Amino acid sequence: MIQTIIILLILLGIGNIYRNKLKTIDFTIKTTFFKKVSPSNYHFLLNIIVISLVSYLLNKIFQVYCQPVIWAGILLISVMLSFSFLKTYEKFLTIKILMRILQGIGFFISVYCIYFLQLWFIANILIAFLTILISYLFYKEKFIENQIDNTFFSTFLFNLGLAFISPIYFIYLTIREFINSDIIGKILIPLSAISILLIFLIFSFKYRELANRISKFNVEQIFKNLEIKREIQNSYLGERIVGMHLKFHTRYHEYDGWRPPLHDPFLIFALWINDYFDPLANYSYDDRIKLYETLFPKKNLQANCSCAFSNSKFYWNDKIFKK
């Protein structure tokens, strides 16, 4: 994961070195079919919004990342705004600085999303390629003996295709913004990407410390030990560790059924760095539920959503929550 991010950061530097050639490629794209279905300026803002909404709906249907926790959802929306709405106000220095910081964070998030799906992302690329190809065919041809313009259908299918590979699209946008930006952007975009990586690494190390502490106790000992109980209760990651596999999921799974619905990037990243070390792996579901309800009595064990589009009743009606 870290190596992947470092490689992509290096690509930002290479992109800057060859920015003239990349600008030529970007100009070529804008003056062909893609200009029709993904125009710039005002329509570009709409384009980003459509891709974001379609990505959200696809995530709801195929439950890829499930429901992000609140802070992750707010950050994701902010990043999307940095490529659309905020660009109309970038003449203001404060907005420009905020926009570049968010774009750097968006670069990290995009890499994170690709790594989360791993091999499954290849399927997304194939689907996106076919969808955009069909979009191009719609653009080249006309319905009903050339009487109806198919630009609308082309635009819709093009955005649908990009939604399947939205992380790649936002990486492309970030590199383009980096290449075309002034010195502020060339500093802040990579700096913010590295900074958010360091924050995630700090959380990962804190996860390891807490997980190692918890692993030394069985469930009864945790109930009796006031110190470890307070340590878990007062830690952001404490609830995540106890709520894993019940409330917070840990990886992508294609099964569209019972699945913990909340996605916390700090937890996922910490598990990657720590080789999926779960200090409560030997606990039964009953013990895990009992521990969660004891340590976090004011929090709901079940999330207010279901990850799965179909068979979601399995999550809502599972007997383990009703004991």
Protein backbone atom coordinates (compact mmCIF):
# COMPACT_ATOMS: atom_id res chain seq x y z
CA MET A 1 0.00 0.00 0.00
CA ILE A 2 2.67 2.52 1.03
CA GLN A 3 4.84 1.53 -1.93
CA THR A 4 1.89 2.12 -4.27
CA ILE A 5 1.33 5.62 -2.88
CA ILE A 6 5.04 6.46 -3.16
CA ILE A 7 5.06 5.30 -6.80
CA LEU A 8 2.03 7.44 -7.60
CA LEU A 9 3.60 10.45 -5.88
CA ILE A 10 6.65 9.91 -8.09
CA LEU A 11 4.26 9.92 -11.06
CA LEU A 12 3.21 13.43 -10.02
CA GLY A 13 6.84 14.50 -10.34
CA ILE A 14 7.27 12.74 -13.70
CA GLY A 15 4.03 14.31 -14.85
CA ASN A 16 5.41 17.73 -13.99
CA ILE A 17 8.61 17.04 -15.96
CA TYR A 18 6.63 15.99 -19.05
CA ARG A 19 3.81 18.45 -18.50
CA ASN A 20 3.96 19.86 -22.04
CA LYS A 21 3.37 16.46 -23.63
CA LEU A 22 0.62 15.68 -21.16
CA LYS A 23 -1.02 19.03 -21.86
CA THR A 24 -1.00 18.10 -25.56
CA ILE A 25 -2.69 14.78 -24.78
CA ASP A 26 -5.19 16.52 -22.52
CA PHE A 27 -5.94 19.06 -25.26
CA THR A 28 -6.42 16.26 -27.81
CA ILE A 29 -8.90 14.52 -25.52
CA LYS A 30 -10.84 17.75 -25.00
CA THR A 31 -11.14 18.43 -28.74
CA THR A 32 -12.59 15.02 -29.69
CA PHE A 33 -15.48 12.87 -28.56
CA PHE A 34 -14.66 13.44 -24.88
CA LYS A 35 -15.22 17.16 -25.26
CA LYS A 36 -18.79 16.45 -26.29
CA VAL A 37 -19.58 14.15 -23.38
CA SER A 38 -17.34 15.79 -20.77
CA PRO A 39 -17.15 19.53 -21.55
CA SER A 40 -15.27 22.02 -19.42
CA ASN A 41 -16.26 25.02 -17.29
CA TYR A 42 -19.86 24.94 -16.05
CA HIS A 43 -20.64 21.57 -17.62
CA PHE A 44 -17.53 20.06 -16.07
CA LEU A 45 -18.95 20.87 -12.62
CA LEU A 46 -22.14 19.04 -13.58
CA ASN A 47 -20.06 16.21 -14.97
CA ILE A 48 -18.26 15.70 -11.65
CA ILE A 49 -21.55 15.84 -9.73
CA VAL A 50 -23.11 13.22 -12.02
CA ILE A 51 -20.10 10.91 -11.71
CA SER A 52 -20.16 11.33 -7.92
CA LEU A 53 -23.89 10.58 -7.71
CA VAL A 54 -23.61 7.57 -10.01
CA SER A 55 -20.65 6.29 -7.97
CA TYR A 56 -22.74 6.68 -4.81
CA LEU A 57 -25.65 4.76 -6.34
CA LEU A 58 -23.37 2.02 -7.63
CA ASN A 59 -21.90 1.70 -4.16
CA LYS A 60 -25.40 1.41 -2.70
CA ILE A 61 -26.35 -1.32 -5.17
CA PHE A 62 -23.14 -3.34 -5.24
CA GLN A 63 -22.16 -2.52 -1.61
CA VAL A 64 -18.49 -2.11 -2.47
CA TYR A 65 -17.39 0.33 0.23
CA CYS A 66 -20.73 0.19 2.07
CA GLN A 67 -21.51 3.29 4.15
CA PRO A 68 -18.52 5.45 5.10
CA VAL A 69 -18.41 6.61 8.70
CA ILE A 70 -19.43 10.27 9.12
CA TRP A 71 -15.99 11.87 8.93
CA ALA A 72 -15.04 9.82 5.85
CA GLY A 73 -18.29 10.75 4.10
CA ILE A 74 -17.77 14.47 4.76
CA LEU A 75 -14.17 14.27 3.57
CA LEU A 76 -15.19 12.42 0.40
CA ILE A 77 -17.84 15.02 -0.46
CA SER A 78 -15.32 17.82 0.20
CA VAL A 79 -12.80 16.22 -2.14
CA MET A 80 -15.39 15.96 -4.91
CA LEU A 81 -16.29 19.63 -4.40
CA SER A 82 -12.61 20.57 -4.75
CA PHE A 83 -12.71 19.38 -8.38
CA SER A 84 -16.00 21.08 -9.16
CA PHE A 85 -17.70 23.78 -7.09
CA LEU A 86 -14.58 25.21 -5.42
CA LYS A 87 -12.83 25.63 -8.79
CA THR A 88 -15.20 28.49 -9.61
CA TYR A 89 -13.79 30.39 -6.60
CA GLU A 90 -10.10 29.53 -6.90
CA LYS A 91 -9.20 33.17 -7.57
CA PHE A 92 -9.49 33.62 -3.79
CA LEU A 93 -6.25 32.52 -2.12
CA THR A 94 -7.93 30.84 0.87
CA ILE A 95 -10.22 28.80 -1.41
CA LYS A 96 -7.29 27.90 -3.66
CA ILE A 97 -5.23 26.62 -0.70
CA LEU A 98 -8.18 24.61 0.62
CA MET A 99 -8.87 23.23 -2.87
CA ARG A 100 -5.27 22.06 -3.38
CA ILE A 101 -5.15 20.43 0.07
CA LEU A 102 -8.38 18.55 -0.64
CA GLN A 103 -7.12 17.47 -4.06
CA GLY A 104 -4.00 16.00 -2.50
CA ILE A 105 -6.15 14.16 0.04
CA GLY A 106 -8.34 13.01 -2.85
CA PHE A 107 -5.29 11.53 -4.53
CA PHE A 108 -4.61 9.43 -1.43
CA ILE A 109 -8.29 8.41 -1.16
CA SER A 110 -8.33 7.30 -4.80
CA VAL A 111 -5.29 5.09 -4.31
CA TYR A 112 -6.87 3.73 -1.13
CA CYS A 113 -10.07 2.82 -3.00
CA ILE A 114 -8.17 1.01 -5.75
CA TYR A 115 -6.11 -0.95 -3.23
CA PHE A 116 -9.24 -1.83 -1.23
CA LEU A 117 -10.79 -3.52 -4.26
CA GLN A 118 -7.48 -4.91 -5.58
CA LEU A 119 -8.18 -7.56 -8.27
CA TRP A 120 -11.88 -6.71 -8.32
CA PHE A 121 -10.95 -3.28 -9.65
CA ILE A 122 -9.81 -4.96 -12.87
CA ALA A 123 -13.43 -6.01 -13.42
CA ASN A 124 -14.43 -2.37 -12.91
CA ILE A 125 -11.94 -1.31 -15.58
CA LEU A 126 -13.34 -3.82 -18.07
CA ILE A 127 -16.92 -2.69 -17.38
CA ALA A 128 -15.89 0.96 -17.70
CA PHE A 129 -14.12 0.27 -21.01
CA LEU A 130 -17.17 -1.45 -22.48
CA THR A 131 -19.53 1.26 -21.22
CA ILE A 132 -17.42 4.10 -22.62
CA LEU A 133 -17.06 2.17 -25.89
CA ILE A 134 -20.85 1.90 -26.15
CA SER A 135 -21.05 5.60 -25.28
CA TYR A 136 -18.77 6.35 -28.23
CA LEU A 137 -20.89 4.21 -30.55
CA PHE A 138 -24.00 6.09 -29.43
CA TYR A 139 -22.22 9.35 -30.19
CA LYS A 140 -21.14 8.24 -33.67
CA GLU A 141 -24.58 6.92 -34.67
CA LYS A 142 -28.11 8.30 -34.57
CA PHE A 143 -31.31 6.64 -33.43
CA ILE A 144 -34.25 6.17 -35.77
CA GLU A 145 -32.64 7.04 -39.08
CA ASN A 146 -30.59 9.97 -37.86
CA GLN A 147 -33.57 11.84 -36.41
CA ILE A 148 -32.54 11.87 -32.76
CA ASP A 149 -29.28 13.25 -31.42
CA ASN A 150 -27.65 10.74 -29.09
CA THR A 151 -25.42 13.16 -27.17
CA PHE A 152 -27.55 12.72 -24.04
CA PHE A 153 -27.24 8.93 -24.15
CA SER A 154 -23.51 9.19 -24.83
CA THR A 155 -23.03 11.55 -21.89
CA PHE A 156 -24.99 9.32 -19.53
CA LEU A 157 -23.10 6.16 -20.54
CA PHE A 158 -19.76 7.99 -20.46
CA ASN A 159 -20.40 9.17 -16.89
CA LEU A 160 -21.57 5.69 -15.93
CA GLY A 161 -18.34 4.23 -17.28
CA LEU A 162 -16.21 6.78 -15.42
CA ALA A 163 -18.14 6.06 -12.22
CA PHE A 164 -16.90 2.46 -12.31
CA ILE A 165 -13.32 3.73 -12.37
CA SER A 166 -13.88 7.02 -10.51
CA PRO A 167 -10.69 6.58 -8.42
CA ILE A 168 -8.61 6.48 -11.62
CA TYR A 169 -10.53 9.45 -12.98
CA PHE A 170 -9.85 11.51 -9.85
CA ILE A 171 -6.17 10.50 -9.94
CA TYR A 172 -6.07 11.80 -13.52
CA LEU A 173 -7.77 15.04 -12.45
CA THR A 174 -5.32 15.49 -9.57
CA ILE A 175 -2.31 14.99 -11.83
CA ARG A 176 -3.81 17.43 -14.32
CA GLU A 177 -4.43 20.01 -11.58
CA PHE A 178 -0.88 19.49 -10.29
CA ILE A 179 0.62 19.99 -13.74
CA ASN A 180 -1.40 23.12 -14.50
CA SER A 181 -1.16 24.70 -11.04
CA ASP A 182 1.14 27.40 -9.76
CA ILE A 183 3.78 26.91 -7.05
CA ILE A 184 1.08 26.73 -4.35
CA GLY A 185 -0.51 23.71 -5.99
CA LYS A 186 2.81 22.02 -6.72
CA ILE A 187 3.65 22.21 -3.02
CA LEU A 188 0.27 21.60 -1.38
CA ILE A 189 -1.03 18.69 -3.49
CA PRO A 190 1.86 16.27 -2.77
CA LEU A 191 2.33 17.68 0.74
CA SER A 192 -1.29 17.02 1.71
CA ALA A 193 -1.17 13.52 0.16
CA ILE A 194 1.93 12.69 2.22
CA SER A 195 0.45 14.30 5.35
CA ILE A 196 -2.76 12.24 5.21
CA LEU A 197 -0.63 9.12 4.67
CA LEU A 198 1.35 9.96 7.82
CA ILE A 199 -1.88 10.48 9.79
CA PHE A 200 -3.12 7.06 8.70
CA LEU A 201 0.22 5.51 9.66
CA ILE A 202 0.01 7.09 13.12
CA PHE A 203 -3.46 5.58 13.60
CA SER A 204 -2.11 2.24 12.40
CA PHE A 205 0.65 2.28 15.03
CA LYS A 206 -1.88 3.26 17.70
CA TYR A 207 -4.05 0.37 16.56
CA ARG A 208 -1.12 -2.02 17.01
CA GLU A 209 -0.41 -0.75 20.52
CA LEU A 210 -4.02 -1.08 21.64
CA ALA A 211 -4.52 -4.42 19.88
CA ASN A 212 -1.42 -5.86 21.56
CA ARG A 213 -2.74 -4.71 24.94
CA ILE A 214 -6.19 -6.22 24.35
CA SER A 215 -4.79 -9.52 23.13
CA LYS A 216 -3.36 -10.20 26.60
CA PHE A 217 -6.83 -10.44 28.15
CA ASN A 218 -9.75 -12.79 27.72
CA VAL A 219 -13.28 -11.42 27.78
CA GLU A 220 -13.83 -11.96 31.51
CA GLN A 221 -10.53 -10.29 32.36
CA ILE A 222 -11.47 -7.26 30.28
CA PHE A 223 -14.74 -6.95 32.23
CA LYS A 224 -12.83 -7.01 35.52
CA ASN A 225 -9.84 -4.86 34.54
CA LEU A 226 -10.86 -1.21 34.89
CA GLU A 227 -7.69 0.09 33.23
CA ILE A 228 -8.05 -1.83 29.97
CA LYS A 229 -11.79 -1.10 29.90
CA ARG A 230 -11.14 2.64 30.10
CA GLU A 231 -8.36 2.38 27.54
CA ILE A 232 -10.73 0.75 25.04
CA GLN A 233 -13.60 3.13 25.82
CA ASN A 234 -11.46 6.26 25.51
CA SER A 235 -9.81 5.24 22.24
CA TYR A 236 -11.32 6.00 18.84
CA LEU A 237 -10.02 2.66 17.60
CA GLY A 238 -11.30 0.82 20.68
CA GLU A 239 -14.88 0.77 19.42
CA ARG A 240 -13.65 -0.21 15.95
CA ILE A 241 -11.73 -3.19 17.30
CA VAL A 242 -14.62 -4.47 19.40
CA GLY A 243 -17.19 -3.72 16.68
CA MET A 244 -15.29 -5.44 13.86
CA HIS A 245 -17.32 -8.09 11.99
CA LEU A 246 -20.50 -6.83 13.66
CA LYS A 247 -20.74 -3.15 12.86
CA PHE A 248 -17.55 -2.34 10.91
CA HIS A 249 -16.44 -4.38 7.95
CA THR A 250 -12.78 -5.13 7.26
CA ARG A 251 -12.52 -5.90 3.54
CA TYR A 252 -14.46 -6.12 0.31
CA HIS A 253 -16.50 -9.24 -0.24
CA GLU A 254 -18.65 -9.90 -3.29
CA TYR A 255 -21.31 -11.74 -1.30
CA ASP A 256 -24.50 -9.66 -1.33
CA GLY A 257 -25.95 -10.68 2.00
CA TRP A 258 -25.06 -10.39 5.71
CA ARG A 259 -22.18 -7.96 6.01
CA PRO A 260 -21.19 -5.30 8.57
CA PRO A 261 -22.24 -2.05 6.90
CA LEU A 262 -19.86 0.66 8.18
CA HIS A 263 -16.60 1.47 6.43
CA ASP A 264 -13.92 3.22 8.51
CA PRO A 265 -10.76 3.91 6.46
CA PHE A 266 -8.63 4.25 9.62
CA LEU A 267 -9.59 0.72 10.66
CA ILE A 268 -9.13 -0.77 7.18
CA PHE A 269 -5.72 0.86 6.72
CA ALA A 270 -4.60 -0.20 10.20
CA LEU A 271 -5.54 -3.79 9.39
CA TRP A 272 -3.50 -3.64 6.17
CA ILE A 273 -0.43 -2.34 7.99
CA ASN A 274 -0.83 -4.86 10.83
CA ASP A 275 -1.51 -7.90 8.64
CA TYR A 276 -5.20 -8.05 9.62
CA PHE A 277 -4.34 -8.59 13.28
CA ASP A 278 -7.58 -8.88 15.26
CA PRO A 279 -6.94 -9.18 19.02
CA LEU A 280 -10.46 -10.59 19.51
CA ALA A 281 -10.23 -13.17 16.71
CA ASN A 282 -10.75 -16.05 19.15
CA TYR A 283 -13.85 -14.48 20.70
CA SER A 284 -17.26 -15.87 19.81
CA TYR A 285 -19.88 -13.54 18.32
CA ASP A 286 -21.77 -13.70 21.62
CA ASP A 287 -18.70 -12.60 23.60
CA ARG A 288 -17.97 -9.83 21.11
CA ILE A 289 -21.54 -8.54 21.32
CA LYS A 290 -21.50 -8.74 25.12
CA LEU A 291 -18.20 -6.84 25.22
CA TYR A 292 -19.45 -4.12 22.84
CA GLU A 293 -22.72 -3.60 24.71
CA THR A 294 -20.87 -3.45 28.04
CA LEU A 295 -18.15 -1.04 26.94
CA PHE A 296 -20.34 1.14 24.71
CA PRO A 297 -23.84 1.02 26.21
CA LYS A 298 -24.94 4.30 24.57
CA LYS A 299 -24.00 3.19 21.06
CA ASN A 300 -26.11 1.01 18.79
CA LEU A 301 -24.58 -2.34 17.96
CA GLN A 302 -26.39 -2.44 14.64
CA ALA A 303 -25.78 0.41 12.22
CA ASN A 304 -28.74 2.42 10.91
CA CYS A 305 -28.24 1.00 7.43
CA SER A 306 -27.78 -2.31 5.68
CA CYS A 307 -24.79 -2.85 3.47
CA ALA A 308 -26.45 -5.30 1.12
CA PHE A 309 -28.89 -4.24 -1.58
CA SER A 310 -30.55 -7.66 -1.68
CA ASN A 311 -31.01 -10.05 1.22
CA SER A 312 -30.54 -7.15 3.63
CA LYS A 313 -33.11 -8.76 5.93
CA PHE A 314 -30.34 -11.18 6.92
CA TYR A 315 -28.55 -8.33 8.67
CA TRP A 316 -31.64 -6.77 10.25
CA ASN A 317 -33.14 -10.03 11.48
CA ASP A 318 -30.08 -12.02 12.50
CA LYS A 319 -30.71 -13.73 15.81
CA ILE A 320 -27.27 -12.83 17.19
CA PHE A 321 -28.51 -9.25 17.67
CA LYS A 322 -31.70 -10.30 19.40
CA LYS A 323 -30.35 -12.28 22.34
